[in-house]
Amino acid sequence: AYEKLGKNYTHDKLVAELSFGVWVFLFAGKQYQAG
């Protein structure tokens, strides 16, 4: 998603570009522990 945005990157655009599943799995075991 970051690479797709390229020069148009902003943090808000990156947040919007991500699927809901990404946000779900940030709370899954491994990702959550890592963060």
Full PDB file with SEQRES, HELIX, SHEET, SSBOND, CRYST1, ORIGX, SCALE, CONECT and MASTER records, all heavy atoms in Angstrom:
SEQRES   1 A   35  ALA TYR GLU LYS LEU GLY LYS ASN TYR THR HIS ASP LYS          
SEQRES   2 A   35  LEU VAL ALA GLU LEU SER PHE GLY VAL TRP VAL PHE LEU          
SEQRES   3 A   35  PHE ALA GLY LYS GLN TYR GLN ALA GLY                          
HELIX    1 AA1 TYR A    2  LEU A    5  1                                   4    
HELIX    2 AA2 GLY A    6  ASN A    8  5                                   3    
HELIX    3 AA3 HIS A   11  GLU A   17  1                                   7    
HELIX    4 AA4 PHE A   20  PHE A   25  1                                   6    
HELIX    5 AA5 GLY A   29  ALA A   34  1                                   6    
CRYST1    1.000    1.000    1.000  90.00  90.00  90.00 P 1           1          
ORIGX1      1.000000  0.000000  0.000000        0.00000                         
ORIGX2      0.000000  1.000000  0.000000        0.00000                         
ORIGX3      0.000000  0.000000  1.000000        0.00000                         
SCALE1      1.000000  0.000000  0.000000        0.00000                         
SCALE2      0.000000  1.000000  0.000000        0.00000                         
SCALE3      0.000000  0.000000  1.000000        0.00000                         
ATOM      1  N   ALA A   1       0.836  -1.210   0.000  1.00  0.00           N  
ATOM      2  CA  ALA A   1       0.000   0.000   0.000  1.00  0.00           C  
ATOM      3  C   ALA A   1       0.870   1.258   0.000  1.00  0.00           C  
ATOM      4  O   ALA A   1       0.583   2.232  -0.713  1.00  0.00           O  
ATOM      5  CB  ALA A   1      -0.926  -0.012   1.207  1.00  0.00           C  
ATOM      6  N   TYR A   2       1.937   1.230   0.767  1.00  0.00           N  
ATOM      7  CA  TYR A   2       2.869   2.361   0.845  1.00  0.00           C  
ATOM      8  C   TYR A   2       3.514   2.612  -0.523  1.00  0.00           C  
ATOM      9  O   TYR A   2       3.559   3.744  -1.007  1.00  0.00           O  
ATOM     10  CB  TYR A   2       3.917   2.072   1.916  1.00  0.00           C  
ATOM     11  CG  TYR A   2       4.996   3.115   2.050  1.00  0.00           C  
ATOM     12  CD1 TYR A   2       4.694   4.410   2.467  1.00  0.00           C  
ATOM     13  CD2 TYR A   2       6.323   2.797   1.782  1.00  0.00           C  
ATOM     14  CE1 TYR A   2       5.692   5.367   2.593  1.00  0.00           C  
ATOM     15  CE2 TYR A   2       7.323   3.748   1.921  1.00  0.00           C  
ATOM     16  CZ  TYR A   2       7.005   5.027   2.314  1.00  0.00           C  
ATOM     17  OH  TYR A   2       7.992   5.974   2.449  1.00  0.00           O  
ATOM     18  N   GLU A   3       3.983   1.544  -1.154  1.00  0.00           N  
ATOM     19  CA  GLU A   3       4.623   1.673  -2.467  1.00  0.00           C  
ATOM     20  C   GLU A   3       3.627   2.122  -3.533  1.00  0.00           C  
ATOM     21  O   GLU A   3       3.974   2.902  -4.419  1.00  0.00           O  
ATOM     22  CB  GLU A   3       5.289   0.356  -2.856  1.00  0.00           C  
ATOM     23  CG  GLU A   3       6.525   0.062  -2.020  1.00  0.00           C  
ATOM     24  CD  GLU A   3       7.120  -1.318  -2.268  1.00  0.00           C  
ATOM     25  OE1 GLU A   3       6.557  -2.098  -3.077  1.00  0.00           O  
ATOM     26  OE2 GLU A   3       8.141  -1.627  -1.624  1.00  0.00           O  
ATOM     27  N   LYS A   4       2.402   1.646  -3.444  1.00  0.00           N  
ATOM     28  CA  LYS A   4       1.362   2.040  -4.400  1.00  0.00           C  
ATOM     29  C   LYS A   4       1.101   3.547  -4.337  1.00  0.00           C  
ATOM     30  O   LYS A   4       0.897   4.187  -5.363  1.00  0.00           O  
ATOM     31  CB  LYS A   4       0.068   1.266  -4.103  1.00  0.00           C  
ATOM     32  CG  LYS A   4      -1.086   1.615  -5.002  1.00  0.00           C  
ATOM     33  CD  LYS A   4      -2.334   0.838  -4.615  1.00  0.00           C  
ATOM     34  CE  LYS A   4      -3.532   1.313  -5.398  1.00  0.00           C  
ATOM     35  NZ  LYS A   4      -4.769   0.685  -4.923  1.00  0.00           N  
ATOM     36  N   LEU A   5       1.137   4.102  -3.146  1.00  0.00           N  
ATOM     37  CA  LEU A   5       0.894   5.535  -2.995  1.00  0.00           C  
ATOM     38  C   LEU A   5       2.047   6.368  -3.554  1.00  0.00           C  
ATOM     39  O   LEU A   5       1.822   7.467  -4.067  1.00  0.00           O  
ATOM     40  CB  LEU A   5       0.654   5.883  -1.526  1.00  0.00           C  
ATOM     41  CG  LEU A   5      -0.673   5.417  -0.954  1.00  0.00           C  
ATOM     42  CD1 LEU A   5      -0.690   5.580   0.564  1.00  0.00           C  
ATOM     43  CD2 LEU A   5      -1.828   6.158  -1.591  1.00  0.00           C  
ATOM     44  N   GLY A   6       3.251   5.854  -3.458  1.00  0.00           N  
ATOM     45  CA  GLY A   6       4.417   6.557  -4.008  1.00  0.00           C  
ATOM     46  C   GLY A   6       4.496   8.004  -3.569  1.00  0.00           C  
ATOM     47  O   GLY A   6       4.434   8.316  -2.379  1.00  0.00           O  
ATOM     48  N   LYS A   7       4.605   8.913  -4.536  1.00  0.00           N  
ATOM     49  CA  LYS A   7       4.727  10.348  -4.256  1.00  0.00           C  
ATOM     50  C   LYS A   7       3.473  10.920  -3.608  1.00  0.00           C  
ATOM     51  O   LYS A   7       3.506  11.986  -3.016  1.00  0.00           O  
ATOM     52  CB  LYS A   7       5.032  11.123  -5.540  1.00  0.00           C  
ATOM     53  CG  LYS A   7       6.398  10.864  -6.100  1.00  0.00           C  
ATOM     54  CD  LYS A   7       6.619  11.676  -7.359  1.00  0.00           C  
ATOM     55  CE  LYS A   7       7.980  11.352  -7.958  1.00  0.00           C  
ATOM     56  NZ  LYS A   7       8.202  12.097  -9.201  1.00  0.00           N  
ATOM     57  N   ASN A   8       2.353  10.237  -3.750  1.00  0.00           N  
ATOM     58  CA  ASN A   8       1.086  10.705  -3.170  1.00  0.00           C  
ATOM     59  C   ASN A   8       0.916  10.286  -1.715  1.00  0.00           C  
ATOM     60  O   ASN A   8      -0.135  10.504  -1.129  1.00  0.00           O  
ATOM     61  CB  ASN A   8      -0.102  10.181  -3.982  1.00  0.00           C  
ATOM     62  CG  ASN A   8      -0.114  10.745  -5.379  1.00  0.00           C  
ATOM     63  OD1 ASN A   8       0.185  11.912  -5.590  1.00  0.00           O  
ATOM     64  ND2 ASN A   8      -0.425   9.898  -6.352  1.00  0.00           N  
ATOM     65  N   TYR A   9       1.961   9.676  -1.141  1.00  0.00           N  
ATOM     66  CA  TYR A   9       1.867   9.178   0.228  1.00  0.00           C  
ATOM     67  C   TYR A   9       1.581  10.289   1.236  1.00  0.00           C  
ATOM     68  O   TYR A   9       2.184  11.345   1.212  1.00  0.00           O  
ATOM     69  CB  TYR A   9       3.157   8.467   0.640  1.00  0.00           C  
ATOM     70  CG  TYR A   9       3.236   8.271   2.138  1.00  0.00           C  
ATOM     71  CD1 TYR A   9       2.559   7.216   2.739  1.00  0.00           C  
ATOM     72  CD2 TYR A   9       3.902   9.179   2.960  1.00  0.00           C  
ATOM     73  CE1 TYR A   9       2.572   7.054   4.120  1.00  0.00           C  
ATOM     74  CE2 TYR A   9       3.932   9.023   4.337  1.00  0.00           C  
ATOM     75  CZ  TYR A   9       3.264   7.954   4.910  1.00  0.00           C  
ATOM     76  OH  TYR A   9       3.268   7.806   6.268  1.00  0.00           O  
ATOM     77  N   THR A  10       0.626  10.007   2.097  1.00  0.00           N  
ATOM     78  CA  THR A  10       0.467  10.688   3.381  1.00  0.00           C  
ATOM     79  C   THR A  10       0.056   9.571   4.339  1.00  0.00           C  
ATOM     80  O   THR A  10      -0.451   8.528   3.911  1.00  0.00           O  
ATOM     81  CB  THR A  10      -0.627  11.788   3.386  1.00  0.00           C  
ATOM     82  OG1 THR A  10      -1.910  11.174   3.209  1.00  0.00           O  
ATOM     83  CG2 THR A  10      -0.373  12.850   2.317  1.00  0.00           C  
ATOM     84  N   HIS A  11       0.274   9.795   5.611  1.00  0.00           N  
ATOM     85  CA  HIS A  11      -0.100   8.754   6.571  1.00  0.00           C  
ATOM     86  C   HIS A  11      -1.603   8.469   6.491  1.00  0.00           C  
ATOM     87  O   HIS A  11      -2.016   7.313   6.511  1.00  0.00           O  
ATOM     88  CB  HIS A  11       0.295   9.164   7.991  1.00  0.00           C  
ATOM     89  CG  HIS A  11       0.039   8.085   8.997  1.00  0.00           C  
ATOM     90  ND1 HIS A  11       0.856   6.990   9.120  1.00  0.00           N  
ATOM     91  CD2 HIS A  11      -0.955   7.918   9.893  1.00  0.00           C  
ATOM     92  CE1 HIS A  11       0.381   6.194  10.057  1.00  0.00           C  
ATOM     93  NE2 HIS A  11      -0.710   6.732  10.547  1.00  0.00           N  
ATOM     94  N   ASP A  12      -2.412   9.506   6.369  1.00  0.00           N  
ATOM     95  CA  ASP A  12      -3.866   9.319   6.278  1.00  0.00           C  
ATOM     96  C   ASP A  12      -4.250   8.501   5.045  1.00  0.00           C  
ATOM     97  O   ASP A  12      -5.141   7.648   5.119  1.00  0.00           O  
ATOM     98  CB  ASP A  12      -4.585  10.663   6.266  1.00  0.00           C  
ATOM     99  CG  ASP A  12      -4.530  11.373   7.605  1.00  0.00           C  
ATOM    100  OD1 ASP A  12      -4.225  10.717   8.625  1.00  0.00           O  
ATOM    101  OD2 ASP A  12      -4.790  12.594   7.638  1.00  0.00           O  
ATOM    102  N   LYS A  13      -3.594   8.746   3.913  1.00  0.00           N  
ATOM    103  CA  LYS A  13      -3.885   7.969   2.706  1.00  0.00           C  
ATOM    104  C   LYS A  13      -3.480   6.510   2.896  1.00  0.00           C  
ATOM    105  O   LYS A  13      -4.166   5.609   2.409  1.00  0.00           O  
ATOM    106  CB  LYS A  13      -3.180   8.565   1.484  1.00  0.00           C  
ATOM    107  CG  LYS A  13      -3.822   9.843   0.996  1.00  0.00           C  
ATOM    108  CD  LYS A  13      -3.099  10.380  -0.227  1.00  0.00           C  
ATOM    109  CE  LYS A  13      -3.739  11.677  -0.686  1.00  0.00           C  
ATOM    110  NZ  LYS A  13      -3.040  12.241  -1.849  1.00  0.00           N  
ATOM    111  N   LEU A  14      -2.373   6.283   3.589  1.00  0.00           N  
ATOM    112  CA  LEU A  14      -1.943   4.905   3.851  1.00  0.00           C  
ATOM    113  C   LEU A  14      -2.951   4.202   4.742  1.00  0.00           C  
ATOM    114  O   LEU A  14      -3.328   3.052   4.474  1.00  0.00           O  
ATOM    115  CB  LEU A  14      -0.551   4.888   4.486  1.00  0.00           C  
ATOM    116  CG  LEU A  14       0.031   3.506   4.807  1.00  0.00           C  
ATOM    117  CD1 LEU A  14       0.110   2.629   3.557  1.00  0.00           C  
ATOM    118  CD2 LEU A  14       1.405   3.651   5.447  1.00  0.00           C  
ATOM    119  N   VAL A  15      -3.422   4.864   5.769  1.00  0.00           N  
ATOM    120  CA  VAL A  15      -4.447   4.288   6.652  1.00  0.00           C  
ATOM    121  C   VAL A  15      -5.671   3.904   5.833  1.00  0.00           C  
ATOM    122  O   VAL A  15      -6.206   2.794   5.964  1.00  0.00           O  
ATOM    123  CB  VAL A  15      -4.819   5.274   7.785  1.00  0.00           C  
ATOM    124  CG1 VAL A  15      -6.082   4.827   8.502  1.00  0.00           C  
ATOM    125  CG2 VAL A  15      -3.670   5.430   8.768  1.00  0.00           C  
ATOM    126  N   ALA A  16      -6.108   4.798   4.954  1.00  0.00           N  
ATOM    127  CA  ALA A  16      -7.302   4.549   4.140  1.00  0.00           C  
ATOM    128  C   ALA A  16      -7.088   3.444   3.111  1.00  0.00           C  
ATOM    129  O   ALA A  16      -8.037   2.745   2.738  1.00  0.00           O  
ATOM    130  CB  ALA A  16      -7.730   5.835   3.435  1.00  0.00           C  
ATOM    131  N   GLU A  17      -5.877   3.271   2.667  1.00  0.00           N  
ATOM    132  CA  GLU A  17      -5.560   2.281   1.631  1.00  0.00           C  
ATOM    133  C   GLU A  17      -5.616   0.846   2.148  1.00  0.00           C  
ATOM    134  O   GLU A  17      -5.857  -0.093   1.399  1.00  0.00           O  
ATOM    135  CB  GLU A  17      -4.164   2.580   1.070  1.00  0.00           C  
ATOM    136  CG  GLU A  17      -3.762   1.767  -0.117  1.00  0.00           C  
ATOM    137  CD  GLU A  17      -4.518   2.109  -1.397  1.00  0.00           C  
ATOM    138  OE1 GLU A  17      -4.964   3.255  -1.553  1.00  0.00           O  
ATOM    139  OE2 GLU A  17      -4.655   1.196  -2.231  1.00  0.00           O  
ATOM    140  N   LEU A  18      -5.429   0.667   3.429  1.00  0.00           N  
ATOM    141  CA  LEU A  18      -5.353  -0.677   4.002  1.00  0.00           C  
ATOM    142  C   LEU A  18      -6.738  -1.293   4.170  1.00  0.00           C  
ATOM    143  O   LEU A  18      -7.694  -0.621   4.529  1.00  0.00           O  
ATOM    144  CB  LEU A  18      -4.627  -0.624   5.347  1.00  0.00           C  
ATOM    145  CG  LEU A  18      -3.183  -0.130   5.269  1.00  0.00           C  
ATOM    146  CD1 LEU A  18      -2.607   0.042   6.664  1.00  0.00           C  
ATOM    147  CD2 LEU A  18      -2.320  -1.086   4.444  1.00  0.00           C  
ATOM    148  N   SER A  19      -6.810  -2.592   3.935  1.00  0.00           N  
ATOM    149  CA  SER A  19      -8.078  -3.300   4.103  1.00  0.00           C  
ATOM    150  C   SER A  19      -8.407  -3.439   5.590  1.00  0.00           C  
ATOM    151  O   SER A  19      -7.535  -3.338   6.457  1.00  0.00           O  
ATOM    152  CB  SER A  19      -7.987  -4.697   3.479  1.00  0.00           C  
ATOM    153  OG  SER A  19      -7.146  -5.527   4.254  1.00  0.00           O  
ATOM    154  N   PHE A  20      -9.674  -3.694   5.872  1.00  0.00           N  
ATOM    155  CA  PHE A  20     -10.097  -3.876   7.255  1.00  0.00           C  
ATOM    156  C   PHE A  20      -9.371  -5.059   7.890  1.00  0.00           C  
ATOM    157  O   PHE A  20      -9.033  -5.042   9.072  1.00  0.00           O  
ATOM    158  CB  PHE A  20     -11.616  -4.054   7.326  1.00  0.00           C  
ATOM    159  CG  PHE A  20     -12.151  -4.037   8.720  1.00  0.00           C  
ATOM    160  CD1 PHE A  20     -12.151  -2.877   9.476  1.00  0.00           C  
ATOM    161  CD2 PHE A  20     -12.654  -5.192   9.302  1.00  0.00           C  
ATOM    162  CE1 PHE A  20     -12.638  -2.852  10.766  1.00  0.00           C  
ATOM    163  CE2 PHE A  20     -13.152  -5.181  10.594  1.00  0.00           C  
ATOM    164  CZ  PHE A  20     -13.146  -4.009  11.320  1.00  0.00           C  
ATOM    165  N   GLY A  21      -9.090  -6.076   7.075  1.00  0.00           N  
ATOM    166  CA  GLY A  21      -8.393  -7.253   7.574  1.00  0.00           C  
ATOM    167  C   GLY A  21      -7.028  -6.936   8.165  1.00  0.00           C  
ATOM    168  O   GLY A  21      -6.603  -7.562   9.137  1.00  0.00           O  
ATOM    169  N   VAL A  22      -6.328  -5.965   7.606  1.00  0.00           N  
ATOM    170  CA  VAL A  22      -5.029  -5.568   8.148  1.00  0.00           C  
ATOM    171  C   VAL A  22      -5.204  -5.076   9.578  1.00  0.00           C  
ATOM    172  O   VAL A  22      -4.450  -5.442  10.478  1.00  0.00           O  
ATOM    173  CB  VAL A  22      -4.356  -4.487   7.274  1.00  0.00           C  
ATOM    174  CG1 VAL A  22      -3.125  -3.902   7.961  1.00  0.00           C  
ATOM    175  CG2 VAL A  22      -3.986  -5.057   5.912  1.00  0.00           C  
ATOM    176  N   TRP A  23      -6.232  -4.259   9.802  1.00  0.00           N  
ATOM    177  CA  TRP A  23      -6.469  -3.713  11.139  1.00  0.00           C  
ATOM    178  C   TRP A  23      -6.861  -4.813  12.111  1.00  0.00           C  
ATOM    179  O   TRP A  23      -6.444  -4.809  13.263  1.00  0.00           O  
ATOM    180  CB  TRP A  23      -7.534  -2.612  11.084  1.00  0.00           C  
ATOM    181  CG  TRP A  23      -7.084  -1.510  10.181  1.00  0.00           C  
ATOM    182  CD1 TRP A  23      -7.544  -1.232   8.918  1.00  0.00           C  
ATOM    183  CD2 TRP A  23      -6.015  -0.592  10.431  1.00  0.00           C  
ATOM    184  NE1 TRP A  23      -6.834  -0.196   8.390  1.00  0.00           N  
ATOM    185  CE2 TRP A  23      -5.895   0.226   9.292  1.00  0.00           C  
ATOM    186  CE3 TRP A  23      -5.161  -0.382  11.498  1.00  0.00           C  
ATOM    187  CZ2 TRP A  23      -4.952   1.237   9.198  1.00  0.00           C  
ATOM    188  CZ3 TRP A  23      -4.220   0.631  11.409  1.00  0.00           C  
ATOM    189  CH2 TRP A  23      -4.122   1.421  10.276  1.00  0.00           C  
ATOM    190  N   VAL A  24      -7.646  -5.771  11.638  1.00  0.00           N  
ATOM    191  CA  VAL A  24      -8.019  -6.905  12.489  1.00  0.00           C  
ATOM    192  C   VAL A  24      -6.760  -7.640  12.940  1.00  0.00           C  
ATOM    193  O   VAL A  24      -6.557  -7.890  14.134  1.00  0.00           O  
ATOM    194  CB  VAL A  24      -8.967  -7.881  11.749  1.00  0.00           C  
ATOM    195  CG1 VAL A  24      -9.207  -9.136  12.573  1.00  0.00           C  
ATOM    196  CG2 VAL A  24     -10.292  -7.200  11.406  1.00  0.00           C  
ATOM    197  N   PHE A  25      -5.899  -7.959  11.988  1.00  0.00           N  
ATOM    198  CA  PHE A  25      -4.745  -8.786  12.312  1.00  0.00           C  
ATOM    199  C   PHE A  25      -3.642  -8.043  13.060  1.00  0.00           C  
ATOM    200  O   PHE A  25      -2.759  -8.674  13.622  1.00  0.00           O  
ATOM    201  CB  PHE A  25      -4.238  -9.529  11.076  1.00  0.00           C  
ATOM    202  CG  PHE A  25      -5.165 -10.658  10.741  1.00  0.00           C  
ATOM    203  CD1 PHE A  25      -6.061 -10.559   9.698  1.00  0.00           C  
ATOM    204  CD2 PHE A  25      -5.190 -11.797  11.526  1.00  0.00           C  
ATOM    205  CE1 PHE A  25      -6.952 -11.579   9.428  1.00  0.00           C  
ATOM    206  CE2 PHE A  25      -6.074 -12.831  11.269  1.00  0.00           C  
ATOM    207  CZ  PHE A  25      -6.954 -12.718  10.217  1.00  0.00           C  
ATOM    208  N   LEU A  26      -3.707  -6.717  13.117  1.00  0.00           N  
ATOM    209  CA  LEU A  26      -2.775  -6.007  13.995  1.00  0.00           C  
ATOM    210  C   LEU A  26      -3.065  -6.338  15.457  1.00  0.00           C  
ATOM    211  O   LEU A  26      -2.211  -6.174  16.316  1.00  0.00           O  
ATOM    212  CB  LEU A  26      -2.837  -4.494  13.760  1.00  0.00           C  
ATOM    213  CG  LEU A  26      -2.143  -4.007  12.496  1.00  0.00           C  
ATOM    214  CD1 LEU A  26      -2.335  -2.504  12.331  1.00  0.00           C  
ATOM    215  CD2 LEU A  26      -0.659  -4.359  12.502  1.00  0.00           C  
ATOM    216  N   PHE A  27      -4.280  -6.837  15.724  1.00  0.00           N  
ATOM    217  CA  PHE A  27      -4.624  -7.256  17.082  1.00  0.00           C  
ATOM    218  C   PHE A  27      -4.525  -8.764  17.271  1.00  0.00           C  
ATOM    219  O   PHE A  27      -4.823  -9.273  18.337  1.00  0.00           O  
ATOM    220  CB  PHE A  27      -6.024  -6.748  17.467  1.00  0.00           C  
ATOM    221  CG  PHE A  27      -6.026  -5.305  17.843  1.00  0.00           C  
ATOM    222  CD1 PHE A  27      -6.208  -4.322  16.896  1.00  0.00           C  
ATOM    223  CD2 PHE A  27      -5.794  -4.925  19.163  1.00  0.00           C  
ATOM    224  CE1 PHE A  27      -6.171  -2.989  17.243  1.00  0.00           C  
ATOM    225  CE2 PHE A  27      -5.755  -3.589  19.526  1.00  0.00           C  
ATOM    226  CZ  PHE A  27      -5.950  -2.613  18.555  1.00  0.00           C  
ATOM    227  N   ALA A  28      -4.111  -9.487  16.230  1.00  0.00           N  
ATOM    228  CA  ALA A  28      -3.884 -10.929  16.355  1.00  0.00           C  
ATOM    229  C   ALA A  28      -2.598 -11.151  17.147  1.00  0.00           C  
ATOM    230  O   ALA A  28      -1.767 -10.248  17.282  1.00  0.00           O  
ATOM    231  CB  ALA A  28      -3.789 -11.572  14.971  1.00  0.00           C  
ATOM    232  N   GLY A  29      -2.435 -12.347  17.655  1.00  0.00           N  
ATOM    233  CA  GLY A  29      -1.338 -12.682  18.553  1.00  0.00           C  
ATOM    234  C   GLY A  29       0.033 -12.145  18.200  1.00  0.00           C  
ATOM    235  O   GLY A  29       0.603 -11.337  18.925  1.00  0.00           O  
ATOM    236  N   LYS A  30       0.606 -12.574  17.080  1.00  0.00           N  
ATOM    237  CA  LYS A  30       1.986 -12.228  16.736  1.00  0.00           C  
ATOM    238  C   LYS A  30       2.156 -10.728  16.520  1.00  0.00           C  
ATOM    239  O   LYS A  30       3.084 -10.117  17.030  1.00  0.00           O  
ATOM    240  CB  LYS A  30       2.429 -12.960  15.470  1.00  0.00           C  
ATOM    241  CG  LYS A  30       3.276 -14.173  15.661  1.00  0.00           C  
ATOM    242  CD  LYS A  30       4.417 -13.964  16.599  1.00  0.00           C  
ATOM    243  CE  LYS A  30       5.386 -15.104  16.502  1.00  0.00           C  
ATOM    244  NZ  LYS A  30       6.346 -15.126  17.562  1.00  0.00           N  
ATOM    245  N   GLN A  31       1.295 -10.142  15.689  1.00  0.00           N  
ATOM    246  CA  GLN A  31       1.417  -8.715  15.395  1.00  0.00           C  
ATOM    247  C   GLN A  31       1.256  -7.875  16.656  1.00  0.00           C  
ATOM    248  O   GLN A  31       1.995  -6.927  16.884  1.00  0.00           O  
ATOM    249  CB  GLN A  31       0.385  -8.269  14.351  1.00  0.00           C  
ATOM    250  CG  GLN A  31       0.741  -8.600  12.942  1.00  0.00           C  
ATOM    251  CD  GLN A  31       0.284  -9.988  12.526  1.00  0.00           C  
ATOM    252  OE1 GLN A  31       0.776 -10.485  11.557  1.00  0.00           O  
ATOM    253  NE2 GLN A  31      -0.628 -10.624  13.208  1.00  0.00           N  
ATOM    254  N   TYR A  32       0.292  -8.258  17.465  1.00  0.00           N  
ATOM    255  CA  TYR A  32       0.050  -7.502  18.691  1.00  0.00           C  
ATOM    256  C   TYR A  32       1.251  -7.593  19.632  1.00  0.00           C  
ATOM    257  O   TYR A  32       1.697  -6.590  20.183  1.00  0.00           O  
ATOM    258  CB  TYR A  32      -1.220  -7.999  19.395  1.00  0.00           C  
ATOM    259  CG  TYR A  32      -1.511  -7.209  20.640  1.00  0.00           C  
ATOM    260  CD1 TYR A  32      -2.080  -5.956  20.559  1.00  0.00           C  
ATOM    261  CD2 TYR A  32      -1.163  -7.701  21.894  1.00  0.00           C  
ATOM    262  CE1 TYR A  32      -2.317  -5.213  21.702  1.00  0.00           C  
ATOM    263  CE2 TYR A  32      -1.400  -6.965  23.035  1.00  0.00           C  
ATOM    264  CZ  TYR A  32      -1.982  -5.717  22.936  1.00  0.00           C  
ATOM    265  OH  TYR A  32      -2.197  -4.980  24.064  1.00  0.00           O  
ATOM    266  N   GLN A  33       1.770  -8.790  19.798  1.00  0.00           N  
ATOM    267  CA  GLN A  33       2.951  -8.966  20.655  1.00  0.00           C  
ATOM    268  C   GLN A  33       4.136  -8.171  20.124  1.00  0.00           C  
ATOM    269  O   GLN A  33       4.875  -7.557  20.894  1.00  0.00           O  
ATOM    270  CB  GLN A  33       3.327 -10.450  20.759  1.00  0.00           C  
ATOM    271  CG  GLN A  33       2.369 -11.253  21.587  1.00  0.00           C  
ATOM    272  CD  GLN A  33       2.683 -12.750  21.535  1.00  0.00           C  
ATOM    273  OE1 GLN A  33       3.524 -13.198  20.764  1.00  0.00           O  
ATOM    274  NE2 GLN A  33       1.991 -13.517  22.356  1.00  0.00           N  
ATOM    275  N   ALA A  34       4.308  -8.181  18.813  1.00  0.00           N  
ATOM    276  CA  ALA A  34       5.434  -7.469  18.207  1.00  0.00           C  
ATOM    277  C   ALA A  34       5.324  -5.963  18.455  1.00  0.00           C  
ATOM    278  O   ALA A  34       6.330  -5.292  18.683  1.00  0.00           O  
ATOM    279  CB  ALA A  34       5.493  -7.756  16.708  1.00  0.00           C  
ATOM    280  N   GLY A  35       4.104  -5.442  18.411  1.00  0.00           N  
ATOM    281  CA  GLY A  35       3.904  -4.010  18.604  1.00  0.00           C  
ATOM    282  C   GLY A  35       3.770  -3.606  20.060  1.00  0.00           C  
ATOM    283  O   GLY A  35       3.751  -2.412  20.372  1.00  0.00           O  
TER     284      GLY A  35                                                      
MASTER        0    0    0    5    0    0    0    6  283    1    0    3          
END                                                                             
